[in-house]
Amino acid sequence: MARKWTCPRRRPGRSPKPEALRQLVLRLARENPGWGYRRINGELLGLGRKVGASTVWEILQKAGIDPAPQRTNQS
């Protein structure tokens, strides 16, 4: 029982995604305003990066980037 409480505590949850992946997703979103998160996910899979669509959506939401139809109407 003593060992259980002497081991170091870990943070709950998953580790954050690499910064390079985040930058790539944001770059694809900025350069292609008509693409949604599923299209960006498909392009990443084509590049050999296994990332879930929900992960792409989360990265875009945290960066404050609107969904695709609202991005295309911006001038």
PDB file of N, CA and C in Angstrom:
ATOM      1  N   MET A   1       0.815  -1.180   0.000  1.00  0.00           N
ATOM      2  CA  MET A   1       0.000   0.000   0.000  1.00  0.00           C
ATOM      3  C   MET A   1       0.865   1.254   0.000  1.00  0.00           C
ATOM      4  N   ALA A   2       2.008   1.198   0.648  1.00  0.00           N
ATOM      5  CA  ALA A   2       2.855   2.378   0.733  1.00  0.00           C
ATOM      6  C   ALA A   2       3.369   2.793  -0.646  1.00  0.00           C
ATOM      7  N   ARG A   3       3.645   1.833  -1.533  1.00  0.00           N
ATOM      8  CA  ARG A   3       4.143   2.159  -2.863  1.00  0.00           C
ATOM      9  C   ARG A   3       3.134   2.947  -3.686  1.00  0.00           C
ATOM     10  N   LYS A   4       1.898   2.634  -3.478  1.00  0.00           N
ATOM     11  CA  LYS A   4       0.848   3.302  -4.253  1.00  0.00           C
ATOM     12  C   LYS A   4       0.893   4.813  -4.069  1.00  0.00           C
ATOM     13  N   TRP A   5       1.182   5.279  -2.878  1.00  0.00           N
ATOM     14  CA  TRP A   5       1.137   6.699  -2.610  1.00  0.00           C
ATOM     15  C   TRP A   5       2.493   7.386  -2.747  1.00  0.00           C
ATOM     16  N   THR A   6       3.554   6.631  -2.975  1.00  0.00           N
ATOM     17  CA  THR A   6       4.869   7.251  -3.100  1.00  0.00           C
ATOM     18  C   THR A   6       5.277   7.483  -4.553  1.00  0.00           C
ATOM     19  N   CYS A   7       4.554   6.944  -5.495  1.00  0.00           N
ATOM     20  CA  CYS A   7       4.925   7.160  -6.894  1.00  0.00           C
ATOM     21  C   CYS A   7       4.476   8.567  -7.325  1.00  0.00           C
ATOM     22  N   PRO A   8       5.184   9.158  -8.280  1.00  0.00           N
ATOM     23  CA  PRO A   8       4.861  10.531  -8.684  1.00  0.00           C
ATOM     24  C   PRO A   8       3.488  10.632  -9.364  1.00  0.00           C
ATOM     25  N   ARG A   9       2.851  11.735  -9.150  1.00  0.00           N
ATOM     26  CA  ARG A   9       1.541  11.966  -9.748  1.00  0.00           C
ATOM     27  C   ARG A   9       1.695  12.383 -11.207  1.00  0.00           C
ATOM     28  N   ARG A  10       0.774  11.968 -12.027  1.00  0.00           N
ATOM     29  CA  ARG A  10       0.761  12.351 -13.435  1.00  0.00           C
ATOM     30  C   ARG A  10      -0.444  13.223 -13.695  1.00  0.00           C
ATOM     31  N   ARG A  11      -0.341  14.043 -14.713  1.00  0.00           N
ATOM     32  CA  ARG A  11      -1.471  14.867 -15.109  1.00  0.00           C
ATOM     33  C   ARG A  11      -2.505  13.998 -15.809  1.00  0.00           C
ATOM     34  N   PRO A  12      -3.771  14.246 -15.579  1.00  0.00           N
ATOM     35  CA  PRO A  12      -4.793  13.468 -16.276  1.00  0.00           C
ATOM     36  C   PRO A  12      -4.946  13.928 -17.727  1.00  0.00           C
ATOM     37  N   GLY A  13      -5.397  13.027 -18.566  1.00  0.00           N
ATOM     38  CA  GLY A  13      -5.675  13.376 -19.958  1.00  0.00           C
ATOM     39  C   GLY A  13      -4.544  13.032 -20.905  1.00  0.00           C
ATOM     40  N   ARG A  14      -4.803  13.340 -22.162  1.00  0.00           N
ATOM     41  CA  ARG A  14      -3.811  13.051 -23.195  1.00  0.00           C
ATOM     42  C   ARG A  14      -2.774  14.155 -23.278  1.00  0.00           C
ATOM     43  N   SER A  15      -1.635  13.802 -23.823  1.00  0.00           N
ATOM     44  CA  SER A  15      -0.606  14.813 -24.020  1.00  0.00           C
ATOM     45  C   SER A  15      -1.004  15.696 -25.205  1.00  0.00           C
ATOM     46  N   PRO A  16      -0.551  16.951 -25.232  1.00  0.00           N
ATOM     47  CA  PRO A  16      -0.933  17.837 -26.333  1.00  0.00           C
ATOM     48  C   PRO A  16      -0.313  17.397 -27.653  1.00  0.00           C
ATOM     49  N   LYS A  17      -0.947  17.810 -28.745  1.00  0.00           N
ATOM     50  CA  LYS A  17      -0.436  17.470 -30.075  1.00  0.00           C
ATOM     51  C   LYS A  17       0.826  18.285 -30.352  1.00  0.00           C
ATOM     52  N   PRO A  18       1.704  17.762 -31.188  1.00  0.00           N
ATOM     53  CA  PRO A  18       2.939  18.486 -31.508  1.00  0.00           C
ATOM     54  C   PRO A  18       2.639  19.849 -32.147  1.00  0.00           C
ATOM     55  N   GLU A  19       3.480  20.813 -31.865  1.00  0.00           N
ATOM     56  CA  GLU A  19       3.300  22.167 -32.395  1.00  0.00           C
ATOM     57  C   GLU A  19       3.385  22.180 -33.918  1.00  0.00           C
ATOM     58  N   ALA A  20       4.220  21.319 -34.504  1.00  0.00           N
ATOM     59  CA  ALA A  20       4.345  21.268 -35.960  1.00  0.00           C
ATOM     60  C   ALA A  20       3.019  20.858 -36.604  1.00  0.00           C
ATOM     61  N   LEU A  21       2.303  19.928 -36.001  1.00  0.00           N
ATOM     62  CA  LEU A  21       1.001  19.510 -36.519  1.00  0.00           C
ATOM     63  C   LEU A  21       0.007  20.658 -36.437  1.00  0.00           C
ATOM     64  N   ARG A  22       0.013  21.358 -35.311  1.00  0.00           N
ATOM     65  CA  ARG A  22      -0.890  22.498 -35.129  1.00  0.00           C
ATOM     66  C   ARG A  22      -0.626  23.564 -36.186  1.00  0.00           C
ATOM     67  N   GLN A  23       0.635  23.874 -36.432  1.00  0.00           N
ATOM     68  CA  GLN A  23       0.994  24.873 -37.432  1.00  0.00           C
ATOM     69  C   GLN A  23       0.566  24.442 -38.836  1.00  0.00           C
ATOM     70  N   LEU A  24       0.703  23.157 -39.137  1.00  0.00           N
ATOM     71  CA  LEU A  24       0.313  22.640 -40.448  1.00  0.00           C
ATOM     72  C   LEU A  24      -1.193  22.751 -40.654  1.00  0.00           C
ATOM     73  N   VAL A  25      -1.970  22.407 -39.644  1.00  0.00           N
ATOM     74  CA  VAL A  25      -3.430  22.502 -39.745  1.00  0.00           C
ATOM     75  C   VAL A  25      -3.847  23.955 -39.950  1.00  0.00           C
ATOM     76  N   LEU A  26      -3.255  24.865 -39.192  1.00  0.00           N
ATOM     77  CA  LEU A  26      -3.604  26.273 -39.315  1.00  0.00           C
ATOM     78  C   LEU A  26      -3.190  26.834 -40.676  1.00  0.00           C
ATOM     79  N   ARG A  27      -2.066  26.385 -41.178  1.00  0.00           N
ATOM     80  CA  ARG A  27      -1.626  26.850 -42.499  1.00  0.00           C
ATOM     81  C   ARG A  27      -2.571  26.368 -43.589  1.00  0.00           C
ATOM     82  N   LEU A  28      -2.977  25.101 -43.543  1.00  0.00           N
ATOM     83  CA  LEU A  28      -3.916  24.576 -44.528  1.00  0.00           C
ATOM     84  C   LEU A  28      -5.248  25.321 -44.467  1.00  0.00           C
ATOM     85  N   ALA A  29      -5.698  25.660 -43.262  1.00  0.00           N
ATOM     86  CA  ALA A  29      -6.967  26.374 -43.106  1.00  0.00           C
ATOM     87  C   ALA A  29      -6.876  27.794 -43.666  1.00  0.00           C
ATOM     88  N   ARG A  30      -5.746  28.455 -43.455  1.00  0.00           N
ATOM     89  CA  ARG A  30      -5.594  29.824 -43.951  1.00  0.00           C
ATOM     90  C   ARG A  30      -5.435  29.874 -45.465  1.00  0.00           C
ATOM     91  N   GLU A  31      -4.673  28.937 -46.022  1.00  0.00           N
ATOM     92  CA  GLU A  31      -4.416  28.949 -47.457  1.00  0.00           C
ATOM     93  C   GLU A  31      -5.596  28.433 -48.276  1.00  0.00           C
ATOM     94  N   ASN A  32      -6.478  27.669 -47.656  1.00  0.00           N
ATOM     95  CA  ASN A  32      -7.629  27.095 -48.349  1.00  0.00           C
ATOM     96  C   ASN A  32      -8.894  27.400 -47.552  1.00  0.00           C
ATOM     97  N   PRO A  33      -9.437  28.611 -47.679  1.00  0.00           N
ATOM     98  CA  PRO A  33     -10.569  29.000 -46.841  1.00  0.00           C
ATOM     99  C   PRO A  33     -11.844  28.201 -47.114  1.00  0.00           C
ATOM    100  N   GLY A  34     -11.961  27.550 -48.244  1.00  0.00           N
ATOM    101  CA  GLY A  34     -13.149  26.764 -48.549  1.00  0.00           C
ATOM    102  C   GLY A  34     -13.131  25.363 -47.955  1.00  0.00           C
ATOM    103  N   TRP A  35     -12.012  24.963 -47.398  1.00  0.00           N
ATOM    104  CA  TRP A  35     -11.891  23.621 -46.834  1.00  0.00           C
ATOM    105  C   TRP A  35     -12.414  23.599 -45.407  1.00  0.00           C
ATOM    106  N   GLY A  36     -13.166  22.577 -45.088  1.00  0.00           N
ATOM    107  CA  GLY A  36     -13.617  22.349 -43.718  1.00  0.00           C
ATOM    108  C   GLY A  36     -12.634  21.451 -42.990  1.00  0.00           C
ATOM    109  N   TYR A  37     -12.984  21.119 -41.773  1.00  0.00           N
ATOM    110  CA  TYR A  37     -12.060  20.304 -40.973  1.00  0.00           C
ATOM    111  C   TYR A  37     -11.930  18.893 -41.520  1.00  0.00           C
ATOM    112  N   ARG A  38     -12.990  18.368 -42.157  1.00  0.00           N
ATOM    113  CA  ARG A  38     -12.892  17.018 -42.731  1.00  0.00           C
ATOM    114  C   ARG A  38     -11.989  16.998 -43.956  1.00  0.00           C
ATOM    115  N   ARG A  39     -12.034  18.041 -44.762  1.00  0.00           N
ATOM    116  CA  ARG A  39     -11.156  18.108 -45.936  1.00  0.00           C
ATOM    117  C   ARG A  39      -9.696  18.251 -45.503  1.00  0.00           C
ATOM    118  N   ILE A  40      -9.471  19.075 -44.492  1.00  0.00           N
ATOM    119  CA  ILE A  40      -8.111  19.230 -43.969  1.00  0.00           C
ATOM    120  C   ILE A  40      -7.622  17.901 -43.407  1.00  0.00           C
ATOM    121  N   ASN A  41      -8.510  17.187 -42.727  1.00  0.00           N
ATOM    122  CA  ASN A  41      -8.170  15.865 -42.204  1.00  0.00           C
ATOM    123  C   ASN A  41      -7.786  14.921 -43.338  1.00  0.00           C
ATOM    124  N   GLY A  42      -8.535  14.935 -44.434  1.00  0.00           N
ATOM    125  CA  GLY A  42      -8.225  14.088 -45.578  1.00  0.00           C
ATOM    126  C   GLY A  42      -6.881  14.414 -46.199  1.00  0.00           C
ATOM    127  N   GLU A  43      -6.560  15.698 -46.283  1.00  0.00           N
ATOM    128  CA  GLU A  43      -5.266  16.099 -46.828  1.00  0.00           C
ATOM    129  C   GLU A  43      -4.122  15.657 -45.928  1.00  0.00           C
ATOM    130  N   LEU A  44      -4.332  15.739 -44.632  1.00  0.00           N
ATOM    131  CA  LEU A  44      -3.295  15.276 -43.698  1.00  0.00           C
ATOM    132  C   LEU A  44      -3.080  13.775 -43.818  1.00  0.00           C
ATOM    133  N   LEU A  45      -4.175  13.031 -44.009  1.00  0.00           N
ATOM    134  CA  LEU A  45      -4.037  11.582 -44.211  1.00  0.00           C
ATOM    135  C   LEU A  45      -3.268  11.291 -45.493  1.00  0.00           C
ATOM    136  N   GLY A  46      -3.510  12.098 -46.534  1.00  0.00           N
ATOM    137  CA  GLY A  46      -2.767  11.947 -47.782  1.00  0.00           C
ATOM    138  C   GLY A  46      -1.285  12.241 -47.612  1.00  0.00           C
ATOM    139  N   LEU A  47      -0.971  13.105 -46.665  1.00  0.00           N
ATOM    140  CA  LEU A  47       0.431  13.422 -46.373  1.00  0.00           C
ATOM    141  C   LEU A  47       1.075  12.410 -45.429  1.00  0.00           C
ATOM    142  N   GLY A  48       0.281  11.447 -44.950  1.00  0.00           N
ATOM    143  CA  GLY A  48       0.817  10.420 -44.073  1.00  0.00           C
ATOM    144  C   GLY A  48       0.713  10.754 -42.596  1.00  0.00           C
ATOM    145  N   ARG A  49      -0.057  11.773 -42.242  1.00  0.00           N
ATOM    146  CA  ARG A  49      -0.248  12.151 -40.841  1.00  0.00           C
ATOM    147  C   ARG A  49      -1.586  11.609 -40.365  1.00  0.00           C
ATOM    148  N   LYS A  50      -1.570  10.670 -39.430  1.00  0.00           N
ATOM    149  CA  LYS A  50      -2.810  10.100 -38.898  1.00  0.00           C
ATOM    150  C   LYS A  50      -3.329  10.997 -37.791  1.00  0.00           C
ATOM    151  N   VAL A  51      -4.382  11.731 -38.117  1.00  0.00           N
ATOM    152  CA  VAL A  51      -4.991  12.662 -37.178  1.00  0.00           C
ATOM    153  C   VAL A  51      -6.493  12.515 -37.320  1.00  0.00           C
ATOM    154  N   GLY A  52      -7.202  12.526 -36.221  1.00  0.00           N
ATOM    155  CA  GLY A  52      -8.651  12.442 -36.265  1.00  0.00           C
ATOM    156  C   GLY A  52      -9.275  13.755 -36.687  1.00  0.00           C
ATOM    157  N   ALA A  53     -10.472  13.674 -37.275  1.00  0.00           N
ATOM    158  CA  ALA A  53     -11.179  14.876 -37.700  1.00  0.00           C
ATOM    159  C   ALA A  53     -11.514  15.752 -36.498  1.00  0.00           C
ATOM    160  N   SER A  54     -11.825  15.131 -35.376  1.00  0.00           N
ATOM    161  CA  SER A  54     -12.146  15.913 -34.184  1.00  0.00           C
ATOM    162  C   SER A  54     -10.924  16.658 -33.663  1.00  0.00           C
ATOM    163  N   THR A  55      -9.735  16.123 -33.879  1.00  0.00           N
ATOM    164  CA  THR A  55      -8.515  16.804 -33.472  1.00  0.00           C
ATOM    165  C   THR A  55      -8.301  18.048 -34.316  1.00  0.00           C
ATOM    166  N   VAL A  56      -8.549  17.933 -35.623  1.00  0.00           N
ATOM    167  CA  VAL A  56      -8.432  19.082 -36.522  1.00  0.00           C
ATOM    168  C   VAL A  56      -9.448  20.144 -36.110  1.00  0.00           C
ATOM    169  N   TRP A  57     -10.669  19.720 -35.829  1.00  0.00           N
ATOM    170  CA  TRP A  57     -11.720  20.653 -35.405  1.00  0.00           C
ATOM    171  C   TRP A  57     -11.317  21.371 -34.124  1.00  0.00           C
ATOM    172  N   GLU A  58     -10.752  20.624 -33.177  1.00  0.00           N
ATOM    173  CA  GLU A  58     -10.339  21.208 -31.901  1.00  0.00           C
ATOM    174  C   GLU A  58      -9.229  22.236 -32.098  1.00  0.00           C
ATOM    175  N   ILE A  59      -8.263  21.937 -32.949  1.00  0.00           N
ATOM    176  CA  ILE A  59      -7.163  22.873 -33.222  1.00  0.00           C
ATOM    177  C   ILE A  59      -7.712  24.157 -33.823  1.00  0.00           C
ATOM    178  N   LEU A  60      -8.640  24.034 -34.773  1.00  0.00           N
ATOM    179  CA  LEU A  60      -9.228  25.221 -35.398  1.00  0.00           C
ATOM    180  C   LEU A  60     -10.048  26.031 -34.404  1.00  0.00           C
ATOM    181  N   GLN A  61     -10.781  25.358 -33.525  1.00  0.00           N
ATOM    182  CA  GLN A  61     -11.588  26.057 -32.531  1.00  0.00           C
ATOM    183  C   GLN A  61     -10.712  26.831 -31.547  1.00  0.00           C
ATOM    184  N   LYS A  62      -9.636  26.203 -31.077  1.00  0.00           N
ATOM    185  CA  LYS A  62      -8.747  26.867 -30.125  1.00  0.00           C
ATOM    186  C   LYS A  62      -8.030  28.059 -30.745  1.00  0.00           C
ATOM    187  N   ALA A  63      -7.804  28.005 -32.061  1.00  0.00           N
ATOM    188  CA  ALA A  63      -7.147  29.112 -32.754  1.00  0.00           C
ATOM    189  C   ALA A  63      -8.129  30.222 -33.111  1.00  0.00           C
ATOM    190  N   GLY A  64      -9.426  29.969 -32.913  1.00  0.00           N
ATOM    191  CA  GLY A  64     -10.432  30.985 -33.215  1.00  0.00           C
ATOM    192  C   GLY A  64     -10.768  31.088 -34.690  1.00  0.00           C
ATOM    193  N   ILE A  65     -10.539  30.017 -35.443  1.00  0.00           N
ATOM    194  CA  ILE A  65     -10.847  30.008 -36.876  1.00  0.00           C
ATOM    195  C   ILE A  65     -12.258  29.478 -37.056  1.00  0.00           C
ATOM    196  N   ASP A  66     -13.065  30.233 -37.789  1.00  0.00           N
ATOM    197  CA  ASP A  66     -14.462  29.867 -38.020  1.00  0.00           C
ATOM    198  C   ASP A  66     -14.581  28.671 -38.943  1.00  0.00           C
ATOM    199  N   PRO A  67     -15.754  28.017 -38.959  1.00  0.00           N
ATOM    200  CA  PRO A  67     -15.984  26.924 -39.912  1.00  0.00           C
ATOM    201  C   PRO A  67     -15.873  27.411 -41.364  1.00  0.00           C
ATOM    202  N   ALA A  68     -15.696  26.497 -42.285  1.00  0.00           N
ATOM    203  CA  ALA A  68     -15.390  26.819 -43.677  1.00  0.00           C
ATOM    204  C   ALA A  68     -16.379  27.771 -44.349  1.00  0.00           C
ATOM    205  N   PRO A  69     -17.699  27.598 -44.257  1.00  0.00           N
ATOM    206  CA  PRO A  69     -18.578  28.522 -44.976  1.00  0.00           C
ATOM    207  C   PRO A  69     -18.438  29.969 -44.506  1.00  0.00           C
ATOM    208  N   GLN A  70     -18.148  30.175 -43.231  1.00  0.00           N
ATOM    209  CA  GLN A  70     -18.006  31.535 -42.740  1.00  0.00           C
ATOM    210  C   GLN A  70     -16.642  32.128 -43.076  1.00  0.00           C
ATOM    211  N   ARG A  71     -15.640  31.289 -43.319  1.00  0.00           N
ATOM    212  CA  ARG A  71     -14.316  31.794 -43.696  1.00  0.00           C
ATOM    213  C   ARG A  71     -14.312  32.276 -45.130  1.00  0.00           C
ATOM    214  N   THR A  72     -15.097  31.632 -46.018  1.00  0.00           N
ATOM    215  CA  THR A  72     -15.068  32.003 -47.435  1.00  0.00           C
ATOM    216  C   THR A  72     -15.740  33.331 -47.684  1.00  0.00           C
ATOM    217  N   ASN A  73     -16.645  33.767 -46.801  1.00  0.00           N
ATOM    218  CA  ASN A  73     -17.343  35.037 -47.010  1.00  0.00           C
ATOM    219  C   ASN A  73     -16.517  36.237 -46.595  1.00  0.00           C
ATOM    220  N   GLN A  74     -15.389  36.027 -45.970  1.00  0.00           N
ATOM    221  CA  GLN A  74     -14.545  37.141 -45.551  1.00  0.00           C
ATOM    222  C   GLN A  74     -13.786  37.698 -46.740  1.00  0.00           C
ATOM    223  N   SER A  75     -13.619  39.000 -46.757  1.00  0.00           N
ATOM    224  CA  SER A  75     -12.870  39.604 -47.864  1.00  0.00           C
ATOM    225  C   SER A  75     -11.450  39.925 -47.451  1.00  0.00           C
TER     226      SER A  75
END
